[in-house]
N, C-alpha and C. Protein backbone atom coordinates (compact mmCIF):
# COMPACT_ATOMS: atom_id res chain seq x y z
N MET A 1 0.82 -1.16 0.04
CA MET A 1 -0.04 0.03 -0.09
C MET A 1 0.77 1.25 0.04
N MET A 2 0.62 2.09 -0.98
CA MET A 2 1.33 3.27 -1.01
C MET A 2 0.67 4.43 -0.18
N LEU A 3 -0.69 4.48 -0.35
CA LEU A 3 -1.42 5.65 0.29
C LEU A 3 -2.96 5.27 0.26
N THR A 4 -3.68 5.75 1.23
CA THR A 4 -5.12 5.47 1.17
C THR A 4 -5.75 6.74 1.22
N LEU A 5 -6.84 7.09 0.61
CA LEU A 5 -7.77 8.17 0.53
C LEU A 5 -9.08 7.69 0.96
N GLY A 6 -9.51 7.67 2.23
CA GLY A 6 -10.74 6.95 2.59
C GLY A 6 -10.55 5.46 2.56
N PHE A 7 -11.46 4.85 1.71
CA PHE A 7 -11.32 3.41 1.56
C PHE A 7 -10.51 3.02 0.23
N PHE A 8 -10.09 4.04 -0.47
CA PHE A 8 -9.44 3.91 -1.74
C PHE A 8 -7.91 3.68 -1.44
N VAL A 9 -7.44 2.41 -1.96
CA VAL A 9 -6.01 2.19 -1.68
C VAL A 9 -5.25 2.51 -2.82
N PHE A 10 -4.30 3.31 -2.97
CA PHE A 10 -3.37 3.43 -3.99
C PHE A 10 -2.19 2.36 -3.92
N GLN A 11 -2.19 1.56 -5.03
CA GLN A 11 -1.22 0.51 -5.06
C GLN A 11 -1.05 0.16 -6.51
N LEU A 12 -0.16 -0.81 -6.82
CA LEU A 12 0.09 -1.12 -8.11
C LEU A 12 -1.17 -1.62 -8.91
N GLN A 13 -2.07 -2.30 -8.27
CA GLN A 13 -3.29 -2.87 -8.93
C GLN A 13 -4.31 -1.75 -9.22
N THR A 14 -4.38 -0.53 -8.43
CA THR A 14 -5.28 0.43 -8.62
C THR A 14 -4.72 1.67 -9.28
N VAL A 15 -4.21 2.68 -8.58
CA VAL A 15 -3.58 3.80 -9.23
C VAL A 15 -2.22 4.08 -8.61
N PRO A 16 -1.22 3.40 -9.07
CA PRO A 16 0.09 3.80 -8.53
C PRO A 16 0.68 5.03 -9.08
N TYR A 17 0.79 6.05 -8.13
CA TYR A 17 1.26 7.38 -8.61
C TYR A 17 2.79 7.21 -8.75
N GLN A 18 3.40 8.04 -9.65
CA GLN A 18 4.87 8.23 -9.64
C GLN A 18 5.44 9.45 -9.10
N SER A 19 4.41 10.45 -8.77
CA SER A 19 4.82 11.63 -8.17
C SER A 19 3.78 12.19 -7.08
N LEU A 20 4.32 12.68 -5.97
CA LEU A 20 3.44 13.14 -4.94
C LEU A 20 4.02 14.51 -4.57
N GLN A 21 3.30 15.64 -4.94
CA GLN A 21 3.75 16.90 -4.60
C GLN A 21 2.87 17.57 -3.60
N ARG A 22 3.40 18.00 -2.42
CA ARG A 22 2.73 18.68 -1.32
C ARG A 22 3.04 19.95 -1.28
N SER A 23 2.13 21.05 -1.12
CA SER A 23 2.51 22.43 -0.98
C SER A 23 1.48 22.90 0.10
N VAL A 24 2.13 23.75 1.00
CA VAL A 24 1.42 24.47 1.99
C VAL A 24 1.66 25.98 1.91
N ASP A 25 0.66 26.60 2.04
CA ASP A 25 0.73 28.17 1.85
C ASP A 25 0.59 28.72 3.33
N TYR A 26 1.29 29.80 3.68
CA TYR A 26 1.18 30.54 4.83
C TYR A 26 0.78 31.94 4.71
N ARG A 27 -0.11 32.46 5.60
CA ARG A 27 -0.57 33.82 5.39
C ARG A 27 0.27 34.81 6.20
N TRP A 28 0.84 35.76 5.38
CA TRP A 28 1.63 36.72 5.88
C TRP A 28 1.14 38.19 5.37
N PRO A 29 0.15 38.70 5.69
CA PRO A 29 -0.23 40.06 5.14
C PRO A 29 0.64 41.20 5.70
N SER A 30 0.77 42.17 4.78
CA SER A 30 1.69 43.28 5.15
C SER A 30 0.85 44.51 5.28
N ASN A 31 1.39 45.46 6.21
CA ASN A 31 0.79 46.86 6.21
C ASN A 31 1.89 47.84 6.08
N SER A 32 1.49 48.71 5.04
CA SER A 32 2.46 49.73 4.62
C SER A 32 2.76 50.80 5.88
N ARG A 33 4.00 51.25 5.96
CA ARG A 33 4.17 52.18 6.90
C ARG A 33 5.08 53.36 6.16
N ILE A 34 4.82 54.64 6.60
CA ILE A 34 5.47 55.86 5.97
C ILE A 34 7.03 55.87 6.47
N GLY A 35 7.79 55.87 5.49
CA GLY A 35 9.23 55.96 5.69
C GLY A 35 9.91 54.61 6.21
N GLN A 36 9.14 53.58 6.32
CA GLN A 36 9.69 52.28 6.90
C GLN A 36 9.26 51.25 5.95
N ARG A 37 9.85 50.10 6.11
CA ARG A 37 9.44 48.87 5.36
C ARG A 37 8.05 48.47 5.87
N PRO A 38 7.21 47.81 5.04
CA PRO A 38 6.06 47.36 5.71
C PRO A 38 6.13 46.41 6.75
N THR A 39 5.33 46.22 7.64
CA THR A 39 5.28 45.32 8.70
C THR A 39 4.35 44.18 8.35
N VAL A 40 4.81 43.05 8.66
CA VAL A 40 4.08 41.69 8.32
C VAL A 40 3.65 41.13 9.62
N GLN A 41 2.55 40.26 9.47
CA GLN A 41 2.07 39.56 10.64
C GLN A 41 1.66 38.18 10.12
N PHE A 42 1.99 37.15 10.98
CA PHE A 42 1.66 35.89 10.66
C PHE A 42 0.26 35.46 11.06
N LEU A 43 -0.53 35.06 10.11
CA LEU A 43 -1.95 34.74 10.57
C LEU A 43 -2.19 33.34 10.45
N GLY A 44 -1.33 32.50 10.20
CA GLY A 44 -1.56 31.11 10.29
C GLY A 44 -1.48 30.35 8.81
N VAL A 45 -1.65 29.09 8.91
CA VAL A 45 -1.54 28.37 7.71
C VAL A 45 -2.74 28.52 6.76
N SER A 46 -2.50 28.67 5.48
CA SER A 46 -3.61 28.82 4.56
C SER A 46 -3.87 27.54 3.84
N GLU A 47 -3.83 27.24 2.51
CA GLU A 47 -4.09 26.00 2.01
C GLU A 47 -2.96 25.03 1.96
N GLU A 48 -3.46 23.66 2.08
CA GLU A 48 -2.61 22.67 1.90
C GLU A 48 -3.00 21.83 0.80
N LYS A 49 -2.13 21.54 -0.28
CA LYS A 49 -2.58 20.65 -1.32
C LYS A 49 -1.62 19.54 -1.65
N ILE A 50 -2.23 18.50 -2.12
CA ILE A 50 -1.32 17.36 -2.52
C ILE A 50 -1.80 16.98 -3.93
N THR A 51 -0.78 16.90 -4.75
CA THR A 51 -0.96 16.53 -6.24
C THR A 51 -0.29 15.21 -6.46
N LEU A 52 -1.17 14.36 -6.79
CA LEU A 52 -0.67 12.93 -7.19
C LEU A 52 -0.63 12.83 -8.69
N SER A 53 0.48 12.32 -9.44
CA SER A 53 0.45 12.13 -10.75
C SER A 53 1.14 10.91 -11.19
N GLY A 54 0.80 10.35 -12.32
CA GLY A 54 1.40 9.18 -12.80
C GLY A 54 0.89 8.70 -14.17
N VAL A 55 1.27 7.51 -14.51
CA VAL A 55 0.91 6.83 -15.77
C VAL A 55 0.50 5.52 -15.40
N LEU A 56 -0.83 5.15 -15.94
CA LEU A 56 -1.53 3.91 -15.75
C LEU A 56 -1.25 3.12 -17.07
N MET A 57 -0.87 1.88 -16.92
CA MET A 57 -0.87 1.01 -18.02
C MET A 57 -1.87 -0.01 -17.69
N PRO A 58 -3.05 -0.04 -18.15
CA PRO A 58 -4.23 -0.96 -17.79
C PRO A 58 -3.95 -2.48 -17.87
N GLU A 59 -2.88 -2.84 -18.77
CA GLU A 59 -2.55 -4.24 -18.88
C GLU A 59 -1.79 -4.69 -17.65
N ILE A 60 -1.06 -3.83 -16.95
CA ILE A 60 -0.20 -4.00 -15.80
C ILE A 60 -0.81 -3.49 -14.43
N THR A 61 -1.16 -2.22 -14.48
CA THR A 61 -1.76 -1.49 -13.42
C THR A 61 -3.21 -1.28 -13.34
N GLY A 62 -3.71 -0.53 -12.61
CA GLY A 62 -5.16 -0.21 -12.55
C GLY A 62 -5.50 0.61 -13.77
N GLY A 63 -6.69 0.95 -14.01
CA GLY A 63 -7.00 1.78 -15.16
C GLY A 63 -8.30 2.49 -15.03
N ARG A 64 -9.12 2.35 -16.00
CA ARG A 64 -10.43 3.01 -16.03
C ARG A 64 -11.32 3.06 -14.80
N LEU A 65 -11.44 1.72 -14.32
CA LEU A 65 -12.26 1.57 -13.26
C LEU A 65 -11.72 2.00 -11.87
N SER A 66 -10.33 2.02 -11.79
CA SER A 66 -9.76 2.75 -10.58
C SER A 66 -10.06 4.20 -10.58
N LEU A 67 -9.83 4.87 -11.77
CA LEU A 67 -10.17 6.26 -11.81
C LEU A 67 -11.61 6.55 -11.67
N LEU A 68 -12.38 5.73 -12.14
CA LEU A 68 -13.91 5.80 -11.82
C LEU A 68 -14.19 5.86 -10.42
N ALA A 69 -13.72 4.96 -9.66
CA ALA A 69 -13.81 4.99 -8.17
C ALA A 69 -13.51 6.27 -7.52
N LEU A 70 -12.24 6.92 -8.01
CA LEU A 70 -11.95 8.24 -7.39
C LEU A 70 -12.89 9.30 -7.81
N ASN A 71 -13.38 9.23 -9.14
CA ASN A 71 -14.45 10.15 -9.50
C ASN A 71 -15.70 10.00 -8.68
N ILE A 72 -16.21 8.81 -8.44
CA ILE A 72 -17.30 8.62 -7.58
C ILE A 72 -17.15 9.29 -6.13
N MET A 73 -15.93 9.09 -5.64
CA MET A 73 -15.65 9.73 -4.30
C MET A 73 -15.56 11.26 -4.41
N ALA A 74 -15.08 11.75 -5.39
CA ALA A 74 -15.19 13.18 -5.68
C ALA A 74 -16.48 13.78 -5.93
N ASP A 75 -17.47 13.01 -6.49
CA ASP A 75 -18.66 13.43 -6.67
C ASP A 75 -19.53 13.48 -5.42
N GLN A 76 -19.11 12.70 -4.41
CA GLN A 76 -19.91 12.70 -3.09
C GLN A 76 -19.66 14.05 -2.40
N GLY A 77 -18.47 14.72 -2.66
CA GLY A 77 -18.24 16.08 -2.03
C GLY A 77 -17.92 15.86 -0.59
N LYS A 78 -17.23 14.75 -0.22
CA LYS A 78 -16.94 14.49 1.18
C LYS A 78 -15.44 14.58 1.45
N ALA A 79 -15.09 14.84 2.72
CA ALA A 79 -13.69 14.82 2.99
C ALA A 79 -13.27 13.42 3.43
N TRP A 80 -12.08 12.99 3.05
CA TRP A 80 -11.57 11.63 3.29
C TRP A 80 -10.20 11.76 4.03
N PRO A 81 -10.03 10.77 5.00
CA PRO A 81 -8.61 10.83 5.58
C PRO A 81 -7.56 10.35 4.67
N LEU A 82 -6.45 10.98 4.52
CA LEU A 82 -5.32 10.57 3.66
C LEU A 82 -4.20 10.09 4.64
N LEU A 83 -3.82 8.81 4.27
CA LEU A 83 -2.80 7.99 5.14
C LEU A 83 -1.85 7.50 4.26
N GLU A 84 -0.48 7.62 4.63
CA GLU A 84 0.51 6.99 3.74
C GLU A 84 0.93 5.73 4.19
N GLY A 85 1.31 4.80 3.48
CA GLY A 85 1.74 3.43 3.78
C GLY A 85 2.76 3.45 4.95
N SER A 86 3.60 4.51 5.01
CA SER A 86 4.76 4.58 6.13
C SER A 86 4.14 4.93 7.46
N GLY A 87 2.75 5.22 7.38
CA GLY A 87 2.15 5.62 8.69
C GLY A 87 1.89 7.22 8.86
N THR A 88 2.39 7.98 7.86
CA THR A 88 2.06 9.39 8.09
C THR A 88 0.63 9.75 7.88
N ILE A 89 0.08 10.47 8.76
CA ILE A 89 -1.34 10.91 8.62
C ILE A 89 -1.29 12.38 8.13
N TYR A 90 -1.87 12.56 6.92
CA TYR A 90 -1.81 13.87 6.32
C TYR A 90 -2.92 14.71 6.86
N GLY A 91 -4.07 14.09 7.17
CA GLY A 91 -5.33 14.89 7.49
C GLY A 91 -6.52 14.53 6.66
N MET A 92 -7.61 15.34 6.80
CA MET A 92 -8.76 15.15 5.93
C MET A 92 -8.61 15.90 4.62
N PHE A 93 -8.84 15.25 3.56
CA PHE A 93 -8.79 15.84 2.22
C PHE A 93 -10.12 15.70 1.26
N VAL A 94 -10.23 16.60 0.51
CA VAL A 94 -11.33 16.55 -0.55
C VAL A 94 -10.56 16.50 -1.78
N VAL A 95 -11.30 15.95 -2.83
CA VAL A 95 -10.81 15.83 -4.11
C VAL A 95 -11.27 17.12 -4.87
N ASN A 96 -10.16 17.92 -5.35
CA ASN A 96 -10.45 19.10 -6.14
C ASN A 96 -10.59 18.88 -7.66
N SER A 97 -9.55 18.07 -8.12
CA SER A 97 -9.70 17.78 -9.62
C SER A 97 -9.09 16.39 -9.87
N ILE A 98 -9.61 15.93 -10.92
CA ILE A 98 -9.00 14.72 -11.55
C ILE A 98 -8.89 14.91 -13.07
N SER A 99 -7.68 14.78 -13.58
CA SER A 99 -7.51 14.86 -15.03
C SER A 99 -6.81 13.66 -15.64
N GLU A 100 -7.20 13.34 -16.80
CA GLU A 100 -6.63 12.15 -17.41
C GLU A 100 -6.46 12.49 -18.86
N THR A 101 -5.36 11.74 -19.35
CA THR A 101 -5.05 11.79 -20.85
C THR A 101 -4.82 10.42 -21.27
N ARG A 102 -5.65 9.83 -22.11
CA ARG A 102 -5.64 8.59 -22.73
C ARG A 102 -4.90 8.61 -24.05
N THR A 103 -3.92 7.77 -24.22
CA THR A 103 -3.15 7.59 -25.48
C THR A 103 -2.80 6.12 -25.73
N GLU A 104 -2.24 5.80 -26.92
CA GLU A 104 -1.93 4.42 -27.25
C GLU A 104 -3.05 3.54 -27.18
N PHE A 105 -3.94 3.45 -28.04
CA PHE A 105 -5.20 2.73 -28.07
C PHE A 105 -5.17 1.43 -28.53
N PHE A 106 -5.97 0.55 -27.94
CA PHE A 106 -6.26 -0.92 -28.43
C PHE A 106 -7.25 -0.74 -29.64
N SER A 107 -7.47 -1.76 -30.31
CA SER A 107 -8.38 -1.61 -31.51
C SER A 107 -9.89 -1.45 -31.09
N ASP A 108 -10.16 -1.58 -29.95
CA ASP A 108 -11.66 -1.42 -29.44
C ASP A 108 -11.80 -0.05 -28.87
N GLY A 109 -10.73 0.84 -28.87
CA GLY A 109 -10.72 2.19 -28.41
C GLY A 109 -10.32 2.42 -26.95
N SER A 110 -10.04 1.29 -26.26
CA SER A 110 -9.55 1.49 -24.79
C SER A 110 -8.08 1.85 -24.88
N ALA A 111 -7.73 2.57 -23.80
CA ALA A 111 -6.43 3.09 -23.80
C ALA A 111 -5.33 2.05 -23.22
N ARG A 112 -4.23 2.17 -23.79
CA ARG A 112 -3.06 1.25 -23.28
C ARG A 112 -2.37 2.11 -22.23
N LYS A 113 -2.46 3.57 -22.39
CA LYS A 113 -1.75 4.33 -21.44
C LYS A 113 -2.57 5.50 -21.01
N ILE A 114 -2.78 5.67 -19.63
CA ILE A 114 -3.60 6.80 -19.06
C ILE A 114 -2.66 7.52 -18.16
N GLU A 115 -2.47 8.77 -18.53
CA GLU A 115 -1.76 9.85 -17.57
C GLU A 115 -2.76 10.50 -16.80
N PHE A 116 -2.43 10.58 -15.53
CA PHE A 116 -3.52 11.16 -14.57
C PHE A 116 -2.94 12.23 -13.67
N THR A 117 -3.55 13.13 -13.13
CA THR A 117 -3.32 14.06 -12.17
C THR A 117 -4.53 14.19 -11.15
N LEU A 118 -4.21 13.96 -9.82
CA LEU A 118 -5.34 14.07 -8.86
C LEU A 118 -4.88 15.13 -8.01
N THR A 119 -5.66 16.24 -7.70
CA THR A 119 -5.42 17.19 -6.77
C THR A 119 -6.31 17.29 -5.53
N LEU A 120 -5.74 17.14 -4.43
CA LEU A 120 -6.46 17.11 -3.21
C LEU A 120 -6.11 18.32 -2.33
N THR A 121 -7.19 18.77 -1.58
CA THR A 121 -6.98 19.86 -0.72
C THR A 121 -7.41 19.60 0.74
N ARG A 122 -6.58 19.86 1.84
CA ARG A 122 -6.88 19.65 3.13
C ARG A 122 -7.96 20.47 3.69
N VAL A 123 -8.89 19.87 4.50
CA VAL A 123 -10.03 20.75 4.91
C VAL A 123 -10.15 20.65 6.56
N ASP A 124 -9.48 19.88 7.11
CA ASP A 124 -9.57 19.82 8.63
C ASP A 124 -8.59 21.00 9.32
N GLN A 125 -8.90 21.36 10.47
CA GLN A 125 -8.12 22.45 10.98
C GLN A 125 -6.74 22.06 11.48
N SER A 126 -6.64 20.83 12.02
CA SER A 126 -5.43 20.38 12.46
C SER A 126 -5.66 18.84 12.83
N LEU A 127 -4.51 18.12 12.93
CA LEU A 127 -4.69 16.74 13.43
C LEU A 127 -5.18 16.69 14.84
N THR A 128 -4.88 17.58 15.68
CA THR A 128 -5.50 17.77 17.09
C THR A 128 -6.96 17.83 16.86
N ALA A 129 -7.47 18.67 15.99
CA ALA A 129 -8.93 18.83 15.97
C ALA A 129 -9.59 17.67 15.31
N MET A 130 -8.87 16.94 14.42
CA MET A 130 -9.45 15.81 13.76
C MET A 130 -9.52 14.63 14.71
N PHE A 131 -8.59 14.47 15.57
CA PHE A 131 -8.54 13.31 16.57
C PHE A 131 -8.93 13.61 17.94
N GLY A 132 -8.95 14.90 18.14
CA GLY A 132 -9.19 15.32 19.57
C GLY A 132 -8.02 15.18 20.50
N ASP A 133 -8.19 15.28 21.83
CA ASP A 133 -7.15 14.91 22.69
C ASP A 133 -7.00 13.48 22.97
N LEU A 134 -6.06 12.93 22.43
CA LEU A 134 -5.75 11.47 22.47
C LEU A 134 -5.67 11.04 23.98
N LYS A 135 -5.00 11.80 24.76
CA LYS A 135 -4.86 11.49 26.15
C LYS A 135 -6.21 11.44 26.88
N ALA A 136 -7.05 12.40 26.67
CA ALA A 136 -8.43 12.37 27.31
C ALA A 136 -9.32 11.00 26.68
N GLN A 137 -9.05 10.86 25.46
CA GLN A 137 -9.63 9.68 24.83
C GLN A 137 -9.22 8.28 25.55
N ALA A 138 -7.91 8.28 25.74
CA ALA A 138 -7.34 7.03 26.34
C ALA A 138 -7.71 6.89 27.76
N ASN A 139 -7.88 7.95 28.52
CA ASN A 139 -8.27 7.99 29.95
C ASN A 139 -9.74 7.55 29.98
N ASP A 140 -10.58 8.16 29.10
CA ASP A 140 -11.97 7.69 28.99
C ASP A 140 -12.06 6.10 28.74
N LEU A 141 -11.33 5.78 27.85
CA LEU A 141 -11.23 4.23 27.45
C LEU A 141 -10.90 3.53 28.58
N LEU A 142 -9.86 3.84 29.38
CA LEU A 142 -9.49 3.09 30.54
C LEU A 142 -10.57 3.09 31.65
N THR A 143 -11.17 4.30 31.85
CA THR A 143 -12.27 4.34 32.83
C THR A 143 -13.35 3.49 32.48
N ASN A 144 -13.76 3.64 31.27
CA ASN A 144 -15.05 2.80 30.84
C ASN A 144 -14.74 1.27 30.91
N ALA A 145 -13.48 0.92 30.49
CA ALA A 145 -13.10 -0.48 30.59
C ALA A 145 -13.15 -0.94 31.99
N GLY A 146 -12.60 -0.16 32.95
CA GLY A 146 -12.60 -0.37 34.35
C GLY A 146 -14.12 -0.70 34.82
N ASP A 147 -14.79 0.32 34.44
CA ASP A 147 -16.36 0.31 34.91
C ASP A 147 -16.93 -1.06 34.37
N TYR A 148 -16.65 -1.33 33.18
CA TYR A 148 -17.23 -2.53 32.45
C TYR A 148 -16.84 -3.79 33.33
N THR A 149 -15.49 -3.98 33.62
CA THR A 149 -15.08 -5.15 34.25
C THR A 149 -15.63 -5.23 35.67
N LYS A 150 -15.66 -4.13 36.38
CA LYS A 150 -16.46 -4.07 37.66
C LYS A 150 -17.78 -4.58 37.61
N GLY A 151 -18.56 -4.29 36.51
CA GLY A 151 -19.90 -4.73 36.30
C GLY A 151 -19.87 -6.26 36.06
N LEU A 152 -18.82 -6.81 35.39
CA LEU A 152 -18.74 -8.26 35.15
C LEU A 152 -18.54 -8.95 36.42
N LEU A 153 -17.61 -8.41 37.29
CA LEU A 153 -17.26 -9.12 38.52
C LEU A 153 -18.28 -9.07 39.74
N SER A 154 -19.19 -8.13 39.62
CA SER A 154 -20.03 -7.96 40.79
C SER A 154 -21.32 -8.84 40.48
């Protein structure tokens, strides 16, 4: 597994991307001052985008159906968790765009080669906001488990 977006797994049999580009913008507006350089103020993180691109060879890798699954996910207009196979949690992302170019066709018109680009935008505030306070969740879990076992023993 290379990456998952919700329940869609990027791997050799589906959509193996050859390039992952991540960009994060930060907001630094400036205020002009007379006789001095403008002053700037950090307002926080702006947009975070991830672009996946690659080439599919339907005889070897995924193809039309794999891209159709991504289109269906995009049509739903939902945010999906993006997780890398290495364990990296990127956050909640929406599908902004999917583009594909089909070339080198079989006699029935299906493509031997499909170049694609998938653009995702992060929509959660932070990983802390997404998962909440993990320590509080763990404490609640331990308390509830303790209460449950007490009920079984009495």
